[in-house]
Amino acid sequence: MLPVFIGLGIFWLTCIASPVNDCMRYFLPVAGCLPLVFCLAAVFSREKSEITV
């Protein structure tokens, strides 16, 4: 799961640092991956809470 977050973070930081950071078409891959990232985070947090209980 960490490679997904690292890759998405690198792309997001690249979008922020670019001169066209307000253009939505460059941010669409990040926006498209957000549902997947939220689902992965929910599954990971649920697994982690079940292990500690």
Protein backbone atom coordinates (compact mmCIF):
# COMPACT_ATOMS: atom_id res chain seq x y z
CA MET A 1 0.00 0.00 0.00
CA LEU A 2 2.91 2.33 0.61
CA PRO A 3 3.92 2.52 -3.10
CA VAL A 4 0.42 3.78 -3.95
CA PHE A 5 0.70 6.59 -1.42
CA ILE A 6 4.26 7.46 -2.41
CA GLY A 7 3.47 7.55 -6.12
CA LEU A 8 0.36 9.63 -5.59
CA GLY A 9 2.22 11.98 -3.27
CA ILE A 10 5.05 12.50 -5.74
CA PHE A 11 2.58 13.26 -8.52
CA TRP A 12 0.63 15.63 -6.27
CA LEU A 13 3.80 17.50 -5.26
CA THR A 14 4.81 17.72 -8.93
CA CYS A 15 1.43 19.25 -9.75
CA ILE A 16 1.86 21.81 -6.97
CA ALA A 17 5.39 22.73 -8.06
CA SER A 18 4.55 23.07 -11.75
CA PRO A 19 3.78 26.47 -13.25
CA VAL A 20 0.35 25.22 -14.38
CA ASN A 21 -0.76 24.00 -10.94
CA ASP A 22 -4.24 25.49 -11.31
CA CYS A 23 -5.02 23.44 -14.43
CA MET A 24 -7.39 20.58 -13.55
CA ARG A 25 -6.29 18.32 -16.40
CA TYR A 26 -2.92 17.76 -14.75
CA PHE A 27 -4.57 16.91 -11.43
CA LEU A 28 -7.11 14.43 -12.87
CA PRO A 29 -4.94 11.31 -12.24
CA VAL A 30 -4.72 12.26 -8.56
CA ALA A 31 -8.45 12.97 -8.38
CA GLY A 32 -9.21 9.68 -10.13
CA CYS A 33 -7.11 7.70 -7.63
CA LEU A 34 -8.61 9.28 -4.51
CA PRO A 35 -11.49 6.78 -4.14
CA LEU A 36 -9.00 3.92 -4.34
CA VAL A 37 -6.71 5.57 -1.81
CA PHE A 38 -9.60 6.19 0.60
CA CYS A 39 -10.69 2.56 0.31
CA LEU A 40 -7.14 1.31 0.87
CA ALA A 41 -6.76 3.58 3.90
CA ALA A 42 -10.06 2.35 5.35
CA VAL A 43 -9.12 -1.31 4.86
CA PHE A 44 -5.66 -0.75 6.30
CA SER A 45 -6.97 1.10 9.35
CA ARG A 46 -9.61 -1.59 9.94
CA GLU A 47 -6.99 -4.36 9.73
CA LYS A 48 -4.72 -2.48 12.08
CA SER A 49 -7.50 -1.94 14.63
CA GLU A 50 -8.48 -5.62 14.51
CA ILE A 51 -4.92 -6.67 15.18
CA THR A 52 -4.56 -4.44 18.25
CA VAL A 53 -7.92 -5.41 19.80
